[in-house]
Amino acid sequence: MLDLNDIYYFVQVIEHKSITAAARALALPKSTISYRVAQLEAELGVRLINRTTRQSSVTEIGAEFYAHAIAMLQEAHAAESAVRQRILSPSGLIRISTAVATAQFALKGLLPKFCERHPKVRILQRTADIEVDVIAERFDIAIRAHSHALQNSTLVQRTLALTPWMLFASPGFLDGSVAPKEPEDLIGRRSLFMVRDGVPNEWVLKSGGDVRRLRVDPVLMTDCMLTLKDAAAAGLGIVALPAYICKEEVAQGALIRVLSDWTCGDAQLTALVPFAQNRLPSVRAFLDYLVAEVPAAVDIKRNLW
C-alpha cells in the first residue's frame, strides 16, 4: 500500500519544479523530501523524477502517475472533509426503537419538527411493545417506559419525563352509582388491566404518603394500552393508564378520572443509547431535542382533571 504522504510530497515536487523548492515551500529539509520521493519510487519500482543539481523533471510514467496522484489527494481531502462535517453537524440515519403508545402519544408531532430543523438527518423508527436488544439490533436510541430502575449499565440513560398513571372510566360507566371516594370503593366494579411480566393483578394506589394495594379481577387483560383505553371509553370498566395517553379523551369528555386524589404511581420515559452512538452529533442533537420537548408532549395539564 502506497503512503499517501509520499504521494503528497511527490506532487509538491512536480508543482514546485524541484525538490529544493518543494522543501522550501513545505518548510522541511531537502533530504526529507528526497527520501520520501525515493521511497515512493522504490515502492512502485519505477523512476518518477529525473534529478539534477539544479532542477527536477518528471518522467513520462511520472507524469501519468501525477495525474492519478492529484485525483487520489482530492479524494482523500473530500473523505476527510466529509468526516469532519459529520462530526460538526448532525447528519445521517438515526435508528430508534419505541413502544407503540410512546410513538403515538409521547412523540406525536416531534419527529417531523426535528427533521425540519436538521434536514441532513434521516430517522428510522421501529415500534414494538417488547424490549429490543439495542446493541445487537443496531439501534441508536431506544425509548423505554418503566416504573423500576433500568439495570443495563452498558447503555447511556437520559431521563425524558415522568408519567403518572391514573384511574379512568367513561362517564356512563359511573352513571347511577355512587362515585368512589376510597380505593376500597372499587371492589366489585369491573376493571381492565394492563398485563406486564412479573406484575400481579393489583393496583398500587398512592395519595400523599398513603399507599394501598387493591387486588383486581379484570374482565379484560391485555398488553395493549390503546385497547384498554378504547374499552374504558366504551364503558367496559375502570382502567389504570399513563395519564398522557388519555388526555385527549379527558378533554373531550370521553373519559373521566376516578379517585382524583389518588394515582397508580409514576412511570418514567428514558432514552437508552449505546456509548459509541452517544458521541454522534445527530444522536446527541436528537437526545437534547427529546429532553427539551417530551415533557411538554406528555404534560397532562392537571387542570383537565
Protein backbone atom coordinates (compact mmCIF):
# COMPACT_ATOMS: atom_id res chain seq x y z
CA MET A 1 0.00 0.00 0.00
CA LEU A 2 1.40 3.37 -1.03
CA ASP A 3 1.96 6.00 1.64
CA LEU A 4 -0.33 8.97 0.98
CA ASN A 5 2.27 11.31 2.46
CA ASP A 6 4.85 10.13 -0.08
CA ILE A 7 2.35 10.82 -2.86
CA TYR A 8 1.75 14.30 -1.45
CA TYR A 9 5.48 15.09 -1.40
CA PHE A 10 5.85 13.83 -4.96
CA VAL A 11 3.05 16.13 -6.12
CA GLN A 12 4.67 19.08 -4.36
CA VAL A 13 7.97 18.40 -6.15
CA ILE A 14 6.21 18.35 -9.53
CA GLU A 15 4.24 21.52 -8.81
CA HIS A 16 7.29 23.42 -7.48
CA LYS A 17 9.52 22.02 -10.26
CA SER A 18 12.30 20.93 -7.90
CA ILE A 19 12.96 19.15 -4.64
CA THR A 20 14.65 22.26 -3.24
CA ALA A 21 11.66 24.50 -3.98
CA ALA A 22 9.23 21.93 -2.59
CA ALA A 23 11.27 21.60 0.61
CA ARG A 24 11.34 25.38 0.99
CA ALA A 25 7.56 25.66 0.48
CA LEU A 26 6.86 22.92 3.00
CA ALA A 27 9.47 24.13 5.50
CA LEU A 28 11.08 20.69 5.51
CA PRO A 29 14.67 19.57 4.99
CA LYS A 30 15.54 18.84 1.39
CA SER A 31 16.79 15.41 2.44
CA THR A 32 13.36 14.53 3.81
CA ILE A 33 11.59 15.32 0.54
CA SER A 34 14.22 13.50 -1.49
CA TYR A 35 14.00 10.43 0.75
CA ARG A 36 10.19 10.26 0.64
CA VAL A 37 10.10 10.52 -3.15
CA ALA A 38 12.77 7.82 -3.38
CA GLN A 39 10.66 5.62 -1.10
CA LEU A 40 7.68 6.09 -3.40
CA GLU A 41 9.74 5.19 -6.45
CA ALA A 42 11.09 2.10 -4.70
CA GLU A 43 7.56 1.01 -3.81
CA LEU A 44 6.42 1.45 -7.42
CA GLY A 45 9.61 0.06 -8.92
CA VAL A 46 9.94 2.94 -11.42
CA ARG A 47 11.65 6.32 -11.63
CA LEU A 48 9.17 9.17 -11.40
CA ILE A 49 11.56 12.12 -11.41
CA ASN A 50 14.85 12.80 -13.18
CA ARG A 51 17.05 14.69 -10.74
CA THR A 52 19.86 17.14 -11.48
CA THR A 53 21.70 19.51 -9.19
CA ARG A 54 19.52 22.45 -10.25
CA GLN A 55 16.12 21.09 -11.16
CA SER A 56 13.92 18.03 -11.38
CA SER A 57 11.93 16.86 -14.37
CA VAL A 58 9.11 14.37 -14.38
CA THR A 59 9.46 11.17 -16.38
CA GLU A 60 6.77 10.01 -18.79
CA ILE A 61 5.46 7.45 -16.34
CA GLY A 62 5.85 10.02 -13.56
CA ALA A 63 3.54 12.40 -15.45
CA GLU A 64 0.94 9.67 -15.78
CA PHE A 65 1.23 8.84 -12.09
CA TYR A 66 0.98 12.55 -11.23
CA ALA A 67 -2.50 12.78 -12.82
CA HIS A 68 -3.71 9.88 -10.69
CA ALA A 69 -1.93 11.24 -7.62
CA ILE A 70 -3.84 14.53 -7.86
CA ALA A 71 -7.12 12.63 -8.01
CA MET A 72 -6.12 10.48 -5.02
CA LEU A 73 -5.26 13.51 -2.90
CA GLN A 74 -8.51 15.22 -3.85
CA GLU A 75 -10.49 12.13 -2.86
CA ALA A 76 -8.60 11.88 0.42
CA HIS A 77 -9.34 15.53 1.15
CA ALA A 78 -13.02 15.02 0.29
CA ALA A 79 -13.19 11.99 2.59
CA GLU A 80 -11.62 13.94 5.45
CA SER A 81 -13.97 16.87 4.90
CA ALA A 82 -16.99 14.57 4.89
CA VAL A 83 -15.99 13.04 8.22
CA ARG A 84 -15.23 16.40 9.82
CA GLN A 85 -18.52 17.82 8.57
CA ARG A 86 -20.33 14.83 10.04
CA ILE A 87 -18.64 15.48 13.37
CA LEU A 88 -19.52 19.16 13.34
CA SER A 89 -23.17 18.98 12.19
CA PRO A 90 -25.96 16.43 12.67
CA SER A 91 -26.42 14.21 9.63
CA GLY A 92 -27.04 10.61 8.65
CA LEU A 93 -29.51 7.95 9.78
CA ILE A 94 -30.81 7.65 13.35
CA ARG A 95 -32.39 4.28 14.21
CA ILE A 96 -34.85 4.49 17.11
CA SER A 97 -36.99 1.90 18.91
CA THR A 98 -40.16 2.79 20.83
CA ALA A 99 -43.31 1.17 22.13
CA VAL A 100 -46.42 1.79 20.05
CA ALA A 101 -48.08 4.05 22.62
CA THR A 102 -44.88 6.05 23.09
CA ALA A 103 -44.64 6.63 19.36
CA GLN A 104 -48.28 7.67 19.05
CA PHE A 105 -48.52 9.91 22.10
CA ALA A 106 -45.18 10.91 23.65
CA LEU A 107 -43.51 11.52 20.27
CA LYS A 108 -46.59 12.76 18.44
CA GLY A 109 -45.56 15.60 16.12
CA LEU A 110 -41.97 15.66 17.38
CA LEU A 111 -40.19 13.72 14.64
CA PRO A 112 -41.30 15.97 11.73
CA LYS A 113 -40.19 19.07 13.64
CA PHE A 114 -36.77 17.58 14.34
CA CYS A 115 -36.30 16.62 10.69
CA GLU A 116 -37.21 20.16 9.65
CA ARG A 117 -34.54 21.55 11.97
CA HIS A 118 -31.93 19.07 10.75
CA PRO A 119 -32.52 18.39 7.04
CA LYS A 120 -29.42 16.18 6.76
CA VAL A 121 -30.77 13.74 9.33
CA ARG A 122 -32.96 10.75 8.46
CA ILE A 123 -34.92 8.73 11.02
CA LEU A 124 -35.86 5.06 11.01
CA GLN A 125 -38.39 4.30 13.75
CA ARG A 126 -39.33 0.75 14.77
CA THR A 127 -42.32 0.30 17.08
CA ALA A 128 -42.82 -2.80 19.22
CA ASP A 129 -44.27 -3.47 22.65
CA ILE A 130 -41.35 -5.72 23.57
CA GLU A 131 -37.87 -4.77 24.72
CA VAL A 132 -35.31 -4.95 21.93
CA ASP A 133 -31.61 -5.66 22.22
CA VAL A 134 -30.42 -2.14 21.47
CA ILE A 135 -26.84 -3.09 20.61
CA ALA A 136 -27.47 -6.39 18.81
CA GLU A 137 -30.22 -4.85 16.67
CA ARG A 138 -28.08 -1.78 15.99
CA PHE A 139 -30.42 0.88 17.33
CA ASP A 140 -29.02 4.31 18.11
CA ILE A 141 -31.75 5.13 20.63
CA ALA A 142 -34.40 3.11 22.45
CA ILE A 143 -37.10 4.89 24.43
CA ARG A 144 -38.42 2.84 27.34
CA ALA A 145 -41.39 3.42 29.63
CA HIS A 146 -40.70 1.84 33.02
CA SER A 147 -41.66 2.02 36.68
CA HIS A 148 -38.49 0.40 38.06
CA ALA A 149 -34.82 1.28 37.60
CA LEU A 150 -33.27 0.01 34.37
CA GLN A 151 -30.34 -2.27 35.04
CA ASN A 152 -28.41 -2.18 31.76
CA SER A 153 -25.18 -0.33 32.60
CA THR A 154 -23.76 -0.73 29.09
CA LEU A 155 -26.08 1.98 27.78
CA VAL A 156 -26.20 5.72 28.40
CA GLN A 157 -29.50 6.67 30.07
CA ARG A 158 -31.25 10.03 29.67
CA THR A 159 -34.47 10.73 31.56
CA LEU A 160 -37.09 12.31 29.31
CA ALA A 161 -40.15 12.68 31.54
CA LEU A 162 -42.11 11.33 34.49
CA THR A 163 -45.51 9.97 33.50
CA PRO A 164 -48.04 9.39 36.31
CA TRP A 165 -50.58 6.58 36.00
CA MET A 166 -54.18 7.36 36.95
CA LEU A 167 -57.55 5.63 37.04
CA PHE A 168 -60.05 6.38 34.28
CA ALA A 169 -63.56 5.34 33.28
CA SER A 170 -66.27 6.57 30.94
CA PRO A 171 -68.89 8.91 32.46
CA GLY A 172 -71.56 6.38 31.51
CA PHE A 173 -69.86 3.62 33.46
CA LEU A 174 -70.22 5.60 36.69
CA ASP A 175 -73.75 6.90 36.00
CA GLY A 176 -76.31 5.72 38.51
CA SER A 177 -73.72 4.65 41.06
CA VAL A 178 -72.05 6.34 43.97
CA ALA A 179 -68.77 7.87 42.88
CA PRO A 180 -65.88 6.03 44.54
CA LYS A 181 -64.06 8.08 47.16
CA GLU A 182 -61.66 5.50 48.57
CA PRO A 183 -59.72 2.68 46.85
CA GLU A 184 -61.88 0.10 48.63
CA ASP A 185 -64.94 1.54 46.86
CA LEU A 186 -63.59 -0.01 43.64
CA ILE A 187 -64.02 -3.55 44.95
CA GLY A 188 -66.65 -5.37 42.89
CA ARG A 189 -66.54 -2.90 39.99
CA ARG A 190 -65.48 -4.07 36.55
CA SER A 191 -61.83 -3.39 35.85
CA LEU A 192 -59.47 -3.51 32.88
CA PHE A 193 -55.84 -4.42 33.42
CA MET A 194 -52.52 -3.81 31.70
CA VAL A 195 -50.64 -7.11 31.62
CA ARG A 196 -46.89 -6.90 32.32
CA ASP A 197 -44.44 -9.70 33.04
CA GLY A 198 -43.92 -10.23 36.75
CA VAL A 199 -46.63 -7.74 37.77
CA PRO A 200 -49.54 -9.15 39.84
CA ASN A 201 -53.15 -8.23 39.12
CA GLU A 202 -53.30 -5.36 41.58
CA TRP A 203 -53.30 -1.59 41.62
CA VAL A 204 -50.91 0.17 43.98
CA LEU A 205 -52.73 3.40 44.76
CA LYS A 206 -50.95 6.38 46.29
CA SER A 207 -52.17 9.60 47.85
CA GLY A 208 -49.55 11.62 49.65
CA GLY A 209 -47.89 9.16 51.99
CA ASP A 210 -50.83 6.74 51.94
CA VAL A 211 -50.25 3.60 49.87
CA ARG A 212 -52.92 0.93 49.34
CA ARG A 213 -52.86 -2.26 47.32
CA LEU A 214 -56.07 -3.32 45.63
CA ARG A 215 -56.43 -6.77 44.10
CA VAL A 216 -58.37 -6.63 40.81
CA ASP A 217 -60.24 -9.32 38.86
CA PRO A 218 -60.33 -7.73 35.39
CA VAL A 219 -62.87 -8.50 32.68
CA LEU A 220 -60.23 -7.57 30.09
CA MET A 221 -56.48 -8.06 30.28
CA THR A 222 -54.07 -7.07 27.52
CA ASP A 223 -50.61 -5.62 27.00
CA CYS A 224 -52.03 -3.05 24.56
CA MET A 225 -52.70 0.33 26.15
CA LEU A 226 -54.77 1.52 23.20
CA THR A 227 -57.13 -1.45 23.52
CA LEU A 228 -57.58 -0.71 27.22
CA LYS A 229 -58.23 2.96 26.60
CA ASP A 230 -60.83 2.24 23.93
CA ALA A 231 -62.53 -0.34 26.15
CA ALA A 232 -62.70 2.12 29.03
CA ALA A 233 -64.14 4.82 26.78
CA ALA A 234 -66.74 2.30 25.60
CA GLY A 235 -67.87 1.84 29.21
CA LEU A 236 -66.44 -1.61 29.88
CA GLY A 237 -64.75 -0.74 33.17
CA ILE A 238 -62.15 1.20 35.13
CA VAL A 239 -58.57 1.22 33.88
CA ALA A 240 -55.17 2.43 35.10
CA LEU A 241 -53.11 4.03 32.34
CA PRO A 242 -50.43 6.70 31.87
CA ALA A 243 -52.30 9.98 32.12
CA TYR A 244 -50.80 11.48 28.96
CA ILE A 245 -52.28 8.69 26.83
CA CYS A 246 -55.79 9.62 27.99
CA LYS A 247 -55.55 13.41 27.99
CA GLU A 248 -57.40 13.89 24.69
CA GLU A 249 -60.29 11.67 25.81
CA VAL A 250 -60.45 13.55 29.11
CA ALA A 251 -60.53 16.88 27.28
CA GLN A 252 -63.34 15.59 25.05
CA GLY A 253 -65.33 14.13 27.94
CA ALA A 254 -65.00 10.52 26.78
CA LEU A 255 -63.08 9.59 29.94
CA ILE A 256 -63.07 10.99 33.46
CA ARG A 257 -60.71 10.42 36.36
CA VAL A 258 -61.66 8.01 39.09
CA LEU A 259 -60.37 8.72 42.61
CA SER A 260 -58.87 12.05 41.58
CA ASP A 261 -56.82 12.30 44.79
CA TRP A 262 -55.05 9.02 44.05
CA THR A 263 -52.54 7.87 41.45
CA CYS A 264 -51.26 4.45 40.45
CA GLY A 265 -47.68 5.59 40.79
CA ASP A 266 -45.24 7.21 38.41
CA ALA A 267 -43.57 5.69 35.40
CA GLN A 268 -40.66 7.21 33.55
CA LEU A 269 -39.68 7.65 29.93
CA THR A 270 -35.97 7.03 29.45
CA ALA A 271 -33.79 7.13 26.35
CA LEU A 272 -31.14 4.40 26.13
CA VAL A 273 -28.13 4.95 23.89
CA PRO A 274 -25.02 2.83 23.23
CA PHE A 275 -21.85 4.67 24.30
CA ALA A 276 -20.46 4.85 20.76
CA GLN A 277 -23.66 6.33 19.30
CA ASN A 278 -23.86 8.86 22.12
CA ARG A 279 -20.86 10.63 20.59
CA LEU A 280 -22.53 11.18 17.21
CA PRO A 281 -23.75 14.76 16.69
CA SER A 282 -27.01 13.54 15.15
CA VAL A 283 -27.82 11.31 18.13
CA ARG A 284 -26.80 13.92 20.69
CA ALA A 285 -28.91 16.56 18.92
CA PHE A 286 -31.91 14.21 18.90
CA LEU A 287 -31.44 13.37 22.58
CA ASP A 288 -31.23 17.03 23.56
CA TYR A 289 -34.35 17.66 21.48
CA LEU A 290 -36.25 14.87 23.23
CA VAL A 291 -35.19 16.09 26.68
CA ALA A 292 -36.50 19.55 25.81
CA GLU A 293 -39.73 18.54 24.04
CA VAL A 294 -41.06 15.30 25.53
CA PRO A 295 -42.06 16.81 28.92
CA ALA A 296 -44.44 19.19 27.14
CA ALA A 297 -45.71 16.40 24.89
CA VAL A 298 -46.72 14.27 27.89
CA ASP A 299 -47.86 17.21 30.05
CA ILE A 300 -51.22 16.16 31.44
CA LYS A 301 -52.32 19.76 32.14
CA ARG A 302 -53.64 18.97 35.58
CA ASN A 303 -56.46 21.49 35.21
CA LEU A 304 -58.16 18.95 32.91
CA TRP A 305 -58.64 16.55 35.78
